[in-house]
Amino acid sequence: MFSFNSRNLVVAWLFLFSAIAAEVAGTTFMANASRGDSFQGYLLMAAALAASYYLLSQAIGQISIGIAYAVWEGVGLASLSLVSVLVFKEELSHSEMLGLGLVMMGIVCVALGEES
């Protein structure tokens, strides 16, 4: 287990964004596997999502759990929406894009309010 006793907040944020990347990868593997009936995709999904939760648990050693979880979910949601458009050729309506923009603005406000 990684100890944050001598680590700073920057390292915690790196863990958090790594957790987000792993979550996006895992969910993308899940969507791809469900469309192609690939068992290997589900194994990759499980590994990536497990890594995501582990990395998130490391981040909350320095970032409050509410802030970390909000950023993890919000940035993950926006990233997965981008993946759905770029990889799976799905379309977003104007109201969906507006909603995602508002989510991102909220995340910025929440993250900026986090005290060191």
N, C-alpha and C. Protein backbone atom coordinates (compact mmCIF):
# COMPACT_ATOMS: atom_id res chain seq x y z
N MET A 1 0.84 -1.18 0.00
CA MET A 1 0.00 0.00 0.00
C MET A 1 0.88 1.24 0.00
N PHE A 2 0.47 2.23 -0.74
CA PHE A 2 1.22 3.46 -0.90
C PHE A 2 0.92 4.40 0.26
N SER A 3 1.93 4.98 0.85
CA SER A 3 1.72 5.89 1.97
C SER A 3 1.89 7.33 1.50
N PHE A 4 0.95 8.17 1.86
CA PHE A 4 1.02 9.58 1.48
C PHE A 4 1.69 10.43 2.55
N ASN A 5 2.21 9.83 3.61
CA ASN A 5 2.77 10.62 4.70
C ASN A 5 3.79 11.63 4.20
N SER A 6 4.63 11.26 3.28
CA SER A 6 5.65 12.17 2.78
C SER A 6 5.33 12.69 1.38
N ARG A 7 4.14 12.40 0.89
CA ARG A 7 3.74 12.83 -0.46
C ARG A 7 2.90 14.09 -0.37
N ASN A 8 2.82 14.80 -1.47
CA ASN A 8 2.04 16.04 -1.46
C ASN A 8 0.74 15.89 -2.25
N LEU A 9 0.00 16.93 -2.29
CA LEU A 9 -1.31 16.93 -2.93
C LEU A 9 -1.22 16.68 -4.43
N VAL A 10 -0.13 17.07 -5.04
CA VAL A 10 0.04 16.85 -6.49
C VAL A 10 0.02 15.36 -6.80
N VAL A 11 0.67 14.57 -5.98
CA VAL A 11 0.70 13.13 -6.19
C VAL A 11 -0.71 12.55 -6.06
N ALA A 12 -1.47 13.05 -5.10
CA ALA A 12 -2.85 12.58 -4.91
C ALA A 12 -3.69 12.88 -6.15
N TRP A 13 -3.52 14.07 -6.71
CA TRP A 13 -4.27 14.41 -7.92
C TRP A 13 -3.83 13.55 -9.10
N LEU A 14 -2.55 13.20 -9.16
CA LEU A 14 -2.08 12.29 -10.22
C LEU A 14 -2.74 10.92 -10.06
N PHE A 15 -2.86 10.45 -8.83
CA PHE A 15 -3.56 9.19 -8.59
C PHE A 15 -5.02 9.31 -9.02
N LEU A 16 -5.64 10.44 -8.70
CA LEU A 16 -7.05 10.62 -9.05
C LEU A 16 -7.25 10.60 -10.56
N PHE A 17 -6.42 11.32 -11.29
CA PHE A 17 -6.58 11.34 -12.75
C PHE A 17 -6.19 10.01 -13.38
N SER A 18 -5.30 9.27 -12.75
CA SER A 18 -5.01 7.91 -13.22
C SER A 18 -6.21 7.00 -12.98
N ALA A 19 -6.89 7.21 -11.85
CA ALA A 19 -8.11 6.44 -11.55
C ALA A 19 -9.19 6.73 -12.59
N ILE A 20 -9.30 7.99 -12.98
CA ILE A 20 -10.28 8.37 -14.00
C ILE A 20 -9.94 7.71 -15.33
N ALA A 21 -8.68 7.73 -15.71
CA ALA A 21 -8.27 7.10 -16.97
C ALA A 21 -8.58 5.60 -16.94
N ALA A 22 -8.33 4.95 -15.82
CA ALA A 22 -8.61 3.51 -15.70
C ALA A 22 -10.12 3.25 -15.76
N GLU A 23 -10.91 4.13 -15.15
CA GLU A 23 -12.36 3.98 -15.20
C GLU A 23 -12.88 4.11 -16.63
N VAL A 24 -12.37 5.10 -17.33
CA VAL A 24 -12.80 5.31 -18.72
C VAL A 24 -12.39 4.11 -19.58
N ALA A 25 -11.18 3.62 -19.38
CA ALA A 25 -10.73 2.44 -20.13
C ALA A 25 -11.61 1.24 -19.81
N GLY A 26 -11.89 1.00 -18.54
CA GLY A 26 -12.70 -0.15 -18.15
C GLY A 26 -14.10 -0.09 -18.71
N THR A 27 -14.72 1.07 -18.65
CA THR A 27 -16.07 1.21 -19.18
C THR A 27 -16.08 1.11 -20.70
N THR A 28 -15.05 1.59 -21.34
CA THR A 28 -14.93 1.44 -22.80
C THR A 28 -14.78 -0.03 -23.17
N PHE A 29 -13.95 -0.77 -22.41
CA PHE A 29 -13.84 -2.22 -22.64
C PHE A 29 -15.19 -2.90 -22.48
N MET A 30 -15.95 -2.48 -21.47
CA MET A 30 -17.26 -3.07 -21.23
C MET A 30 -18.20 -2.82 -22.42
N ALA A 31 -18.25 -1.59 -22.90
CA ALA A 31 -19.11 -1.26 -24.02
C ALA A 31 -18.69 -2.02 -25.27
N ASN A 32 -17.39 -2.10 -25.49
CA ASN A 32 -16.88 -2.82 -26.66
C ASN A 32 -17.19 -4.31 -26.55
N ALA A 33 -17.00 -4.88 -25.38
CA ALA A 33 -17.25 -6.31 -25.18
C ALA A 33 -18.73 -6.63 -25.34
N SER A 34 -19.60 -5.76 -24.83
CA SER A 34 -21.04 -6.03 -24.92
C SER A 34 -21.55 -5.96 -26.35
N ARG A 35 -20.85 -5.23 -27.17
CA ARG A 35 -21.25 -5.10 -28.58
C ARG A 35 -20.66 -6.20 -29.44
N GLY A 36 -19.59 -6.84 -28.95
CA GLY A 36 -18.93 -7.86 -29.74
C GLY A 36 -18.93 -9.23 -29.08
N ASP A 37 -19.53 -9.33 -27.90
CA ASP A 37 -19.62 -10.60 -27.18
C ASP A 37 -18.24 -11.21 -26.93
N SER A 38 -17.31 -10.38 -26.43
CA SER A 38 -15.95 -10.82 -26.17
C SER A 38 -15.73 -11.01 -24.68
N PHE A 39 -15.43 -12.23 -24.28
CA PHE A 39 -15.15 -12.50 -22.87
C PHE A 39 -13.86 -11.81 -22.43
N GLN A 40 -12.89 -11.73 -23.33
CA GLN A 40 -11.62 -11.07 -23.01
C GLN A 40 -11.86 -9.60 -22.67
N GLY A 41 -12.79 -8.96 -23.36
CA GLY A 41 -13.11 -7.57 -23.06
C GLY A 41 -13.63 -7.39 -21.65
N TYR A 42 -14.40 -8.36 -21.17
CA TYR A 42 -14.92 -8.29 -19.80
C TYR A 42 -13.79 -8.47 -18.78
N LEU A 43 -12.81 -9.29 -19.11
CA LEU A 43 -11.65 -9.44 -18.21
C LEU A 43 -10.86 -8.14 -18.14
N LEU A 44 -10.65 -7.52 -19.30
CA LEU A 44 -9.95 -6.23 -19.33
C LEU A 44 -10.75 -5.18 -18.56
N MET A 45 -12.07 -5.20 -18.72
CA MET A 45 -12.94 -4.28 -18.00
C MET A 45 -12.75 -4.45 -16.49
N ALA A 46 -12.81 -5.68 -16.01
CA ALA A 46 -12.69 -5.94 -14.58
C ALA A 46 -11.33 -5.47 -14.05
N ALA A 47 -10.28 -5.72 -14.77
CA ALA A 47 -8.94 -5.31 -14.34
C ALA A 47 -8.83 -3.78 -14.29
N ALA A 48 -9.33 -3.12 -15.33
CA ALA A 48 -9.24 -1.65 -15.37
C ALA A 48 -10.09 -1.01 -14.28
N LEU A 49 -11.29 -1.54 -14.04
CA LEU A 49 -12.14 -0.96 -13.00
C LEU A 49 -11.57 -1.23 -11.61
N ALA A 50 -10.96 -2.39 -11.41
CA ALA A 50 -10.30 -2.67 -10.13
C ALA A 50 -9.14 -1.69 -9.92
N ALA A 51 -8.37 -1.46 -10.96
CA ALA A 51 -7.26 -0.50 -10.87
C ALA A 51 -7.79 0.89 -10.56
N SER A 52 -8.91 1.25 -11.18
CA SER A 52 -9.51 2.56 -10.94
C SER A 52 -9.88 2.75 -9.48
N TYR A 53 -10.53 1.76 -8.89
CA TYR A 53 -10.91 1.87 -7.49
C TYR A 53 -9.69 1.90 -6.57
N TYR A 54 -8.68 1.14 -6.90
CA TYR A 54 -7.45 1.15 -6.10
C TYR A 54 -6.81 2.54 -6.15
N LEU A 55 -6.68 3.09 -7.36
CA LEU A 55 -6.07 4.41 -7.51
C LEU A 55 -6.90 5.49 -6.82
N LEU A 56 -8.23 5.38 -6.92
CA LEU A 56 -9.10 6.32 -6.22
C LEU A 56 -8.86 6.23 -4.71
N SER A 57 -8.72 5.02 -4.19
CA SER A 57 -8.49 4.86 -2.75
C SER A 57 -7.18 5.49 -2.33
N GLN A 58 -6.20 5.48 -3.21
CA GLN A 58 -4.92 6.13 -2.90
C GLN A 58 -5.06 7.65 -2.91
N ALA A 59 -5.87 8.17 -3.81
CA ALA A 59 -6.05 9.62 -3.91
C ALA A 59 -6.74 10.19 -2.68
N ILE A 60 -7.69 9.43 -2.11
CA ILE A 60 -8.43 9.99 -0.98
C ILE A 60 -7.62 10.02 0.31
N GLY A 61 -6.37 9.63 0.22
CA GLY A 61 -5.47 9.83 1.36
C GLY A 61 -5.17 11.30 1.57
N GLN A 62 -5.25 12.09 0.53
CA GLN A 62 -4.95 13.53 0.60
C GLN A 62 -6.10 14.41 0.13
N ILE A 63 -6.97 13.90 -0.71
CA ILE A 63 -8.11 14.67 -1.22
C ILE A 63 -9.35 14.15 -0.51
N SER A 64 -10.21 15.05 -0.06
CA SER A 64 -11.40 14.59 0.65
C SER A 64 -12.23 13.69 -0.27
N ILE A 65 -12.87 12.71 0.33
CA ILE A 65 -13.57 11.70 -0.45
C ILE A 65 -14.69 12.30 -1.30
N GLY A 66 -15.38 13.28 -0.78
CA GLY A 66 -16.45 13.91 -1.55
C GLY A 66 -15.94 14.60 -2.79
N ILE A 67 -14.83 15.33 -2.64
CA ILE A 67 -14.23 16.03 -3.78
C ILE A 67 -13.67 15.01 -4.77
N ALA A 68 -12.93 14.04 -4.27
CA ALA A 68 -12.32 13.03 -5.16
C ALA A 68 -13.38 12.28 -5.95
N TYR A 69 -14.44 11.88 -5.25
CA TYR A 69 -15.50 11.11 -5.93
C TYR A 69 -16.23 11.97 -6.94
N ALA A 70 -16.50 13.22 -6.61
CA ALA A 70 -17.19 14.11 -7.55
C ALA A 70 -16.35 14.33 -8.81
N VAL A 71 -15.07 14.55 -8.64
CA VAL A 71 -14.18 14.76 -9.79
C VAL A 71 -14.06 13.46 -10.59
N TRP A 72 -13.91 12.33 -9.89
CA TRP A 72 -13.79 11.02 -10.55
C TRP A 72 -15.00 10.74 -11.41
N GLU A 73 -16.18 10.94 -10.84
CA GLU A 73 -17.42 10.68 -11.58
C GLU A 73 -17.64 11.68 -12.70
N GLY A 74 -17.46 12.96 -12.41
CA GLY A 74 -17.75 14.00 -13.40
C GLY A 74 -16.81 13.98 -14.59
N VAL A 75 -15.52 13.92 -14.33
CA VAL A 75 -14.55 13.88 -15.42
C VAL A 75 -14.67 12.55 -16.17
N GLY A 76 -14.94 11.48 -15.43
CA GLY A 76 -15.17 10.18 -16.08
C GLY A 76 -16.37 10.22 -17.00
N LEU A 77 -17.46 10.84 -16.54
CA LEU A 77 -18.68 10.96 -17.34
C LEU A 77 -18.41 11.76 -18.62
N ALA A 78 -17.75 12.89 -18.48
CA ALA A 78 -17.45 13.71 -19.65
C ALA A 78 -16.51 12.98 -20.60
N SER A 79 -15.53 12.30 -20.06
CA SER A 79 -14.58 11.56 -20.90
C SER A 79 -15.27 10.41 -21.63
N LEU A 80 -16.16 9.71 -20.93
CA LEU A 80 -16.88 8.61 -21.58
C LEU A 80 -17.83 9.12 -22.65
N SER A 81 -18.38 10.30 -22.44
CA SER A 81 -19.22 10.89 -23.49
C SER A 81 -18.39 11.18 -24.73
N LEU A 82 -17.19 11.68 -24.53
CA LEU A 82 -16.29 11.93 -25.65
C LEU A 82 -15.92 10.63 -26.35
N VAL A 83 -15.63 9.58 -25.57
CA VAL A 83 -15.32 8.26 -26.15
C VAL A 83 -16.52 7.74 -26.95
N SER A 84 -17.73 7.93 -26.42
CA SER A 84 -18.91 7.43 -27.13
C SER A 84 -19.06 8.10 -28.49
N VAL A 85 -18.69 9.38 -28.57
CA VAL A 85 -18.79 10.10 -29.84
C VAL A 85 -17.65 9.69 -30.78
N LEU A 86 -16.42 9.66 -30.27
CA LEU A 86 -15.26 9.41 -31.12
C LEU A 86 -15.08 7.94 -31.50
N VAL A 87 -15.33 7.04 -30.56
CA VAL A 87 -15.07 5.62 -30.79
C VAL A 87 -16.32 4.89 -31.31
N PHE A 88 -17.45 5.15 -30.66
CA PHE A 88 -18.66 4.40 -30.98
C PHE A 88 -19.60 5.15 -31.92
N LYS A 89 -19.18 6.34 -32.37
CA LYS A 89 -19.93 7.13 -33.35
C LYS A 89 -21.35 7.46 -32.89
N GLU A 90 -21.52 7.67 -31.59
CA GLU A 90 -22.81 8.08 -31.06
C GLU A 90 -22.91 9.60 -31.14
N GLU A 91 -24.11 10.11 -31.07
CA GLU A 91 -24.32 11.55 -31.15
C GLU A 91 -24.86 12.09 -29.83
N LEU A 92 -24.47 13.32 -29.50
CA LEU A 92 -24.98 14.00 -28.31
C LEU A 92 -25.89 15.14 -28.76
N SER A 93 -27.01 15.27 -28.09
CA SER A 93 -27.91 16.38 -28.40
C SER A 93 -27.35 17.66 -27.80
N HIS A 94 -27.93 18.78 -28.18
CA HIS A 94 -27.49 20.06 -27.63
C HIS A 94 -27.70 20.12 -26.13
N SER A 95 -28.82 19.59 -25.66
CA SER A 95 -29.07 19.61 -24.21
C SER A 95 -28.08 18.71 -23.47
N GLU A 96 -27.70 17.59 -24.07
CA GLU A 96 -26.69 16.72 -23.44
C GLU A 96 -25.34 17.43 -23.37
N MET A 97 -24.97 18.12 -24.44
CA MET A 97 -23.70 18.86 -24.44
C MET A 97 -23.73 19.99 -23.41
N LEU A 98 -24.86 20.68 -23.31
CA LEU A 98 -25.00 21.74 -22.31
C LEU A 98 -24.87 21.15 -20.90
N GLY A 99 -25.54 20.03 -20.67
CA GLY A 99 -25.45 19.37 -19.37
C GLY A 99 -24.04 18.96 -19.02
N LEU A 100 -23.32 18.42 -19.98
CA LEU A 100 -21.93 18.03 -19.73
C LEU A 100 -21.07 19.25 -19.44
N GLY A 101 -21.31 20.33 -20.15
CA GLY A 101 -20.58 21.57 -19.88
C GLY A 101 -20.83 22.08 -18.47
N LEU A 102 -22.09 22.01 -18.03
CA LEU A 102 -22.42 22.43 -16.67
C LEU A 102 -21.77 21.53 -15.63
N VAL A 103 -21.74 20.22 -15.92
CA VAL A 103 -21.06 19.28 -15.01
C VAL A 103 -19.59 19.66 -14.88
N MET A 104 -18.95 19.94 -16.00
CA MET A 104 -17.53 20.28 -15.96
C MET A 104 -17.30 21.59 -15.21
N MET A 105 -18.19 22.57 -15.40
CA MET A 105 -18.05 23.82 -14.65
C MET A 105 -18.21 23.56 -13.15
N GLY A 106 -19.14 22.70 -12.78
CA GLY A 106 -19.32 22.35 -11.38
C GLY A 106 -18.10 21.67 -10.79
N ILE A 107 -17.50 20.78 -11.57
CA ILE A 107 -16.30 20.08 -11.09
C ILE A 107 -15.16 21.06 -10.86
N VAL A 108 -15.00 22.00 -11.76
CA VAL A 108 -13.94 23.01 -11.59
C VAL A 108 -14.19 23.79 -10.30
N CYS A 109 -15.43 24.20 -10.08
CA CYS A 109 -15.76 24.94 -8.85
C CYS A 109 -15.48 24.12 -7.61
N VAL A 110 -15.89 22.86 -7.63
CA VAL A 110 -15.68 21.98 -6.48
C VAL A 110 -14.18 21.77 -6.24
N ALA A 111 -13.44 21.48 -7.30
CA ALA A 111 -12.00 21.23 -7.16
C ALA A 111 -11.25 22.47 -6.67
N LEU A 112 -11.64 23.63 -7.16
CA LEU A 112 -10.98 24.86 -6.72
C LEU A 112 -11.29 25.18 -5.26
N GLY A 113 -12.43 24.69 -4.78
CA GLY A 113 -12.80 24.92 -3.39
C GLY A 113 -12.12 23.99 -2.41
N GLU A 114 -11.46 22.95 -2.90
CA GLU A 114 -10.77 21.99 -2.04
C GLU A 114 -9.60 22.68 -1.36
N GLU A 115 -9.56 22.58 -0.05
CA GLU A 115 -8.44 23.16 0.70
C GLU A 115 -7.28 22.18 0.73
N SER A 116 -6.07 22.72 0.66
CA SER A 116 -4.89 21.86 0.68
C SER A 116 -4.70 21.26 2.04
